[in-house]
Amino acid sequence: FSRGGSDVTGALAAAALECDLYENWTDVDGIWSADPRSTDLAAPVRQLGYDQLQFLTAAGIQVLHPDAVAPVAAAEIPLQIRSTVQTDLPGTVISAEGSADRLAVAGGPWNGSKEVSLLAAVYPPELEAALFGALAAVNHVVLQRSGDRMRILVAPGDFAAAVEILHRAENSR
């Protein structure tokens, strides 16, 4: 399969078989709040909603192919992302009832631009004010803001700083 082919095939099979759970085993231990290589503040995300995962995959998170979410979401089959390396870890559960239990960010260059980067985030709604207050420390343009997600544009040089600032705001609550 090409990249993500087994993700999509597994989701389609789970939906066709009307499974109770679709476990996607991969080389990472679930969704993280940010790429752990980019910040020491990254931490595991234990639960998300289907729409939140689709939001993050559209912004570039690479744990699961974006097309793998729709089949299990339509059938309301919970999806659990688990690690083939550390099999004892719980991973991340994505479901209709799920909602981000912590901040999770994704992003990178916007539409191939070298002048601006897109940062997408999902978060528990009670964090919204703290996160937007923290963003005052970097130049940004808000594209979308709601009670559990945001999309902002930042200069590429400010992307890592924005990720750090958001994580510090969450950790200070």
C-alpha atoms as a PDB file:
ATOM      1  CA  PHE A   1       0.000   0.000   0.000  1.00  0.00           C
ATOM      2  CA  SER A   2       1.044   3.586  -0.503  1.00  0.00           C
ATOM      3  CA  ARG A   3       1.380   5.803   2.598  1.00  0.00           C
ATOM      4  CA  GLY A   4      -1.842   5.539   4.583  1.00  0.00           C
ATOM      5  CA  GLY A   5      -3.285   2.737   2.446  1.00  0.00           C
ATOM      6  CA  SER A   6      -3.469   0.307   5.336  1.00  0.00           C
ATOM      7  CA  ASP A   7      -5.077   3.001   7.531  1.00  0.00           C
ATOM      8  CA  VAL A   8      -7.879   3.509   5.016  1.00  0.00           C
ATOM      9  CA  THR A   9      -8.251  -0.221   4.299  1.00  0.00           C
ATOM     10  CA  GLY A  10      -8.492  -0.976   8.021  1.00  0.00           C
ATOM     11  CA  ALA A  11     -11.125   1.724   8.540  1.00  0.00           C
ATOM     12  CA  LEU A  12     -13.183   0.492   5.583  1.00  0.00           C
ATOM     13  CA  ALA A  13     -12.954  -3.110   6.816  1.00  0.00           C
ATOM     14  CA  ALA A  14     -13.955  -2.096  10.363  1.00  0.00           C
ATOM     15  CA  ALA A  15     -16.993  -0.243   9.012  1.00  0.00           C
ATOM     16  CA  ALA A  16     -17.991  -3.072   6.647  1.00  0.00           C
ATOM     17  CA  LEU A  17     -17.674  -5.646   9.431  1.00  0.00           C
ATOM     18  CA  GLU A  18     -19.539  -3.385  11.899  1.00  0.00           C
ATOM     19  CA  CYS A  19     -16.723  -3.750  14.437  1.00  0.00           C
ATOM     20  CA  ASP A  20     -16.971  -2.481  17.990  1.00  0.00           C
ATOM     21  CA  LEU A  21     -13.471  -0.940  17.788  1.00  0.00           C
ATOM     22  CA  TYR A  22     -10.904  -0.216  15.087  1.00  0.00           C
ATOM     23  CA  GLU A  23      -7.369  -0.453  16.473  1.00  0.00           C
ATOM     24  CA  ASN A  24      -4.751   1.142  14.260  1.00  0.00           C
ATOM     25  CA  TRP A  25      -1.321  -0.112  15.305  1.00  0.00           C
ATOM     26  CA  THR A  26       1.536   2.118  14.218  1.00  0.00           C
ATOM     27  CA  ASP A  27       5.093   3.071  15.198  1.00  0.00           C
ATOM     28  CA  VAL A  28       3.994   5.915  17.498  1.00  0.00           C
ATOM     29  CA  ASP A  29       2.071   5.709  20.743  1.00  0.00           C
ATOM     30  CA  GLY A  30      -0.974   7.691  19.675  1.00  0.00           C
ATOM     31  CA  ILE A  31      -1.567  11.371  19.017  1.00  0.00           C
ATOM     32  CA  TRP A  32       0.714  13.805  20.835  1.00  0.00           C
ATOM     33  CA  SER A  33       0.049  17.422  21.721  1.00  0.00           C
ATOM     34  CA  ALA A  34       2.815  18.355  19.245  1.00  0.00           C
ATOM     35  CA  ASP A  35       5.585  16.593  17.420  1.00  0.00           C
ATOM     36  CA  PRO A  36       7.794  15.432  20.346  1.00  0.00           C
ATOM     37  CA  ARG A  37      10.870  16.268  18.258  1.00  0.00           C
ATOM     38  CA  SER A  38       9.791  19.933  18.174  1.00  0.00           C
ATOM     39  CA  THR A  39       9.144  20.613  21.873  1.00  0.00           C
ATOM     40  CA  ASP A  40       9.962  19.082  25.234  1.00  0.00           C
ATOM     41  CA  LEU A  41       6.473  20.076  26.375  1.00  0.00           C
ATOM     42  CA  ALA A  42       4.683  17.598  24.071  1.00  0.00           C
ATOM     43  CA  ALA A  43       2.531  15.048  25.871  1.00  0.00           C
ATOM     44  CA  PRO A  44       0.181  12.217  24.882  1.00  0.00           C
ATOM     45  CA  VAL A  45      -3.407  13.047  23.985  1.00  0.00           C
ATOM     46  CA  ARG A  46      -5.668  10.320  25.332  1.00  0.00           C
ATOM     47  CA  GLN A  47      -8.921  11.208  23.570  1.00  0.00           C
ATOM     48  CA  LEU A  48     -10.293  13.212  20.656  1.00  0.00           C
ATOM     49  CA  GLY A  49     -13.503  13.495  18.687  1.00  0.00           C
ATOM     50  CA  TYR A  50     -13.634  12.367  15.051  1.00  0.00           C
ATOM     51  CA  ASP A  51     -14.003  15.956  13.833  1.00  0.00           C
ATOM     52  CA  GLN A  52     -11.029  17.074  15.924  1.00  0.00           C
ATOM     53  CA  LEU A  53      -8.821  14.353  14.426  1.00  0.00           C
ATOM     54  CA  GLN A  54      -9.960  15.294  10.916  1.00  0.00           C
ATOM     55  CA  PHE A  55      -9.114  18.924  11.694  1.00  0.00           C
ATOM     56  CA  LEU A  56      -5.589  17.943  12.769  1.00  0.00           C
ATOM     57  CA  THR A  57      -4.994  15.541   9.873  1.00  0.00           C
ATOM     58  CA  ALA A  58      -6.065  18.255   7.408  1.00  0.00           C
ATOM     59  CA  ALA A  59      -3.404  20.494   8.996  1.00  0.00           C
ATOM     60  CA  GLY A  60      -0.706  17.892   8.498  1.00  0.00           C
ATOM     61  CA  ILE A  61      -0.588  15.571  11.506  1.00  0.00           C
ATOM     62  CA  GLN A  62       0.747  12.339  10.027  1.00  0.00           C
ATOM     63  CA  VAL A  63      -0.204   9.655  12.528  1.00  0.00           C
ATOM     64  CA  LEU A  64      -3.235   8.565  10.503  1.00  0.00           C
ATOM     65  CA  HIS A  65      -4.244   9.104   6.884  1.00  0.00           C
ATOM     66  CA  PRO A  66      -7.009  11.763   6.703  1.00  0.00           C
ATOM     67  CA  ASP A  67      -9.277   9.464   4.666  1.00  0.00           C
ATOM     68  CA  ALA A  68      -9.220   6.794   7.401  1.00  0.00           C
ATOM     69  CA  VAL A  69     -11.416   8.818   9.756  1.00  0.00           C
ATOM     70  CA  ALA A  70     -14.606   9.097   7.684  1.00  0.00           C
ATOM     71  CA  PRO A  71     -15.542   5.375   7.453  1.00  0.00           C
ATOM     72  CA  VAL A  72     -15.322   4.762  11.205  1.00  0.00           C
ATOM     73  CA  ALA A  73     -16.906   8.115  12.035  1.00  0.00           C
ATOM     74  CA  ALA A  74     -19.898   7.381   9.785  1.00  0.00           C
ATOM     75  CA  ALA A  75     -20.363   4.014  11.496  1.00  0.00           C
ATOM     76  CA  GLU A  76     -19.593   5.519  14.946  1.00  0.00           C
ATOM     77  CA  ILE A  77     -16.875   2.935  15.549  1.00  0.00           C
ATOM     78  CA  PRO A  78     -14.296   4.118  18.083  1.00  0.00           C
ATOM     79  CA  LEU A  79     -10.771   4.286  16.691  1.00  0.00           C
ATOM     80  CA  GLN A  80      -7.790   3.587  18.919  1.00  0.00           C
ATOM     81  CA  ILE A  81      -4.292   4.467  17.750  1.00  0.00           C
ATOM     82  CA  ARG A  82      -1.787   2.146  19.440  1.00  0.00           C
ATOM     83  CA  SER A  83       1.963   1.584  19.367  1.00  0.00           C
ATOM     84  CA  THR A  84       3.566  -1.531  17.914  1.00  0.00           C
ATOM     85  CA  VAL A  85       6.746  -0.524  19.773  1.00  0.00           C
ATOM     86  CA  GLN A  86       5.301   0.121  23.243  1.00  0.00           C
ATOM     87  CA  THR A  87       2.286  -2.188  23.285  1.00  0.00           C
ATOM     88  CA  ASP A  88       1.452  -1.506  26.939  1.00  0.00           C
ATOM     89  CA  LEU A  89       0.606   2.175  26.305  1.00  0.00           C
ATOM     90  CA  PRO A  90      -3.087   3.093  25.932  1.00  0.00           C
ATOM     91  CA  GLY A  91      -2.662   5.277  22.842  1.00  0.00           C
ATOM     92  CA  THR A  92      -5.386   7.686  21.761  1.00  0.00           C
ATOM     93  CA  VAL A  93      -9.094   6.890  21.459  1.00  0.00           C
ATOM     94  CA  ILE A  94     -11.133   8.799  18.900  1.00  0.00           C
ATOM     95  CA  SER A  95     -14.921   8.587  19.079  1.00  0.00           C
ATOM     96  CA  ALA A  96     -18.187  10.445  18.580  1.00  0.00           C
ATOM     97  CA  GLU A  97     -18.317  11.245  22.307  1.00  0.00           C
ATOM     98  CA  GLY A  98     -14.619  12.047  22.548  1.00  0.00           C
ATOM     99  CA  SER A  99     -13.191  15.500  22.951  1.00  0.00           C
ATOM    100  CA  ALA A 100      -9.628  16.729  23.307  1.00  0.00           C
ATOM    101  CA  ASP A 101      -8.430  16.095  26.838  1.00  0.00           C
ATOM    102  CA  ARG A 102      -5.514  18.468  26.225  1.00  0.00           C
ATOM    103  CA  LEU A 103      -4.063  20.807  23.621  1.00  0.00           C
ATOM    104  CA  ALA A 104      -2.995  19.198  20.333  1.00  0.00           C
ATOM    105  CA  VAL A 105      -1.339  21.176  17.517  1.00  0.00           C
ATOM    106  CA  ALA A 106      -0.328  20.524  13.924  1.00  0.00           C
ATOM    107  CA  GLY A 107       0.753  22.583  10.978  1.00  0.00           C
ATOM    108  CA  GLY A 108       3.494  23.867   8.800  1.00  0.00           C
ATOM    109  CA  PRO A 109       3.906  25.947   5.662  1.00  0.00           C
ATOM    110  CA  TRP A 110       0.555  27.241   4.420  1.00  0.00           C
ATOM    111  CA  ASN A 111      -0.239  26.268   0.827  1.00  0.00           C
ATOM    112  CA  GLY A 112       3.471  25.824   0.144  1.00  0.00           C
ATOM    113  CA  SER A 113       4.246  29.393   1.228  1.00  0.00           C
ATOM    114  CA  LYS A 114       7.645  30.346   2.580  1.00  0.00           C
ATOM    115  CA  GLU A 115       6.231  33.518   4.149  1.00  0.00           C
ATOM    116  CA  VAL A 116       3.534  32.083   6.396  1.00  0.00           C
ATOM    117  CA  SER A 117       2.781  28.919   8.367  1.00  0.00           C
ATOM    118  CA  LEU A 118      -0.569  27.500   9.438  1.00  0.00           C
ATOM    119  CA  LEU A 119      -0.945  26.362  13.035  1.00  0.00           C
ATOM    120  CA  ALA A 120      -4.062  24.329  13.813  1.00  0.00           C
ATOM    121  CA  ALA A 121      -5.003  23.363  17.361  1.00  0.00           C
ATOM    122  CA  VAL A 122      -7.747  21.532  19.191  1.00  0.00           C
ATOM    123  CA  TYR A 123      -8.142  21.908  22.937  1.00  0.00           C
ATOM    124  CA  PRO A 124     -10.568  21.595  25.842  1.00  0.00           C
ATOM    125  CA  PRO A 125     -12.943  24.594  25.596  1.00  0.00           C
ATOM    126  CA  GLU A 126     -11.949  25.908  29.033  1.00  0.00           C
ATOM    127  CA  LEU A 127      -8.444  26.612  27.666  1.00  0.00           C
ATOM    128  CA  GLU A 128      -9.584  28.997  24.912  1.00  0.00           C
ATOM    129  CA  ALA A 129      -9.039  32.266  26.811  1.00  0.00           C
ATOM    130  CA  ALA A 130      -5.609  31.240  28.139  1.00  0.00           C
ATOM    131  CA  LEU A 131      -4.424  30.085  24.725  1.00  0.00           C
ATOM    132  CA  PHE A 132      -5.516  33.234  22.927  1.00  0.00           C
ATOM    133  CA  GLY A 133      -4.075  35.407  25.666  1.00  0.00           C
ATOM    134  CA  ALA A 134      -0.739  33.628  25.286  1.00  0.00           C
ATOM    135  CA  LEU A 135      -0.719  34.140  21.523  1.00  0.00           C
ATOM    136  CA  ALA A 136      -0.342  37.883  22.045  1.00  0.00           C
ATOM    137  CA  ALA A 137       3.388  37.125  22.369  1.00  0.00           C
ATOM    138  CA  VAL A 138       3.703  36.272  18.642  1.00  0.00           C
ATOM    139  CA  ASN A 139       2.413  37.976  15.525  1.00  0.00           C
ATOM    140  CA  HIS A 140      -0.508  35.972  14.213  1.00  0.00           C
ATOM    141  CA  VAL A 141      -3.668  36.201  12.156  1.00  0.00           C
ATOM    142  CA  VAL A 142      -6.717  34.258  13.311  1.00  0.00           C
ATOM    143  CA  LEU A 143      -8.390  32.330  10.491  1.00  0.00           C
ATOM    144  CA  GLN A 144     -10.816  30.338  12.637  1.00  0.00           C
ATOM    145  CA  ARG A 145     -11.636  30.269  16.307  1.00  0.00           C
ATOM    146  CA  SER A 146     -14.283  28.263  18.109  1.00  0.00           C
ATOM    147  CA  GLY A 147     -14.773  26.710  21.522  1.00  0.00           C
ATOM    148  CA  ASP A 148     -12.446  23.766  20.859  1.00  0.00           C
ATOM    149  CA  ARG A 149     -10.258  24.628  17.860  1.00  0.00           C
ATOM    150  CA  MET A 150      -8.375  27.351  16.085  1.00  0.00           C
ATOM    151  CA  ARG A 151      -6.416  27.999  12.919  1.00  0.00           C
ATOM    152  CA  ILE A 152      -3.909  30.817  12.887  1.00  0.00           C
ATOM    153  CA  LEU A 153      -1.253  32.056  10.513  1.00  0.00           C
ATOM    154  CA  VAL A 154       2.207  32.884  11.841  1.00  0.00           C
ATOM    155  CA  ALA A 155       5.547  33.703  10.262  1.00  0.00           C
ATOM    156  CA  PRO A 156       7.513  30.476   9.725  1.00  0.00           C
ATOM    157  CA  GLY A 157      10.109  31.699  12.230  1.00  0.00           C
ATOM    158  CA  ASP A 158       7.373  32.095  14.869  1.00  0.00           C
ATOM    159  CA  PHE A 159       5.826  28.636  14.411  1.00  0.00           C
ATOM    160  CA  ALA A 160       7.964  26.836  17.019  1.00  0.00           C
ATOM    161  CA  ALA A 161       7.579  29.760  19.437  1.00  0.00           C
ATOM    162  CA  ALA A 162       3.793  29.651  19.043  1.00  0.00           C
ATOM    163  CA  VAL A 163       3.756  25.894  19.782  1.00  0.00           C
ATOM    164  CA  GLU A 164       5.855  26.466  22.929  1.00  0.00           C
ATOM    165  CA  ILE A 165       3.721  29.419  24.068  1.00  0.00           C
ATOM    166  CA  LEU A 166       0.504  27.438  23.693  1.00  0.00           C
ATOM    167  CA  HIS A 167       1.935  24.489  25.612  1.00  0.00           C
ATOM    168  CA  ARG A 168       3.171  26.728  28.424  1.00  0.00           C
ATOM    169  CA  ALA A 169      -0.295  28.330  28.638  1.00  0.00           C
ATOM    170  CA  GLU A 170      -1.898  24.915  28.940  1.00  0.00           C
ATOM    171  CA  ASN A 171       0.620  23.710  31.505  1.00  0.00           C
ATOM    172  CA  SER A 172       0.077  26.805  33.681  1.00  0.00           C
ATOM    173  CA  ARG A 173      -3.603  26.079  34.217  1.00  0.00           C
END
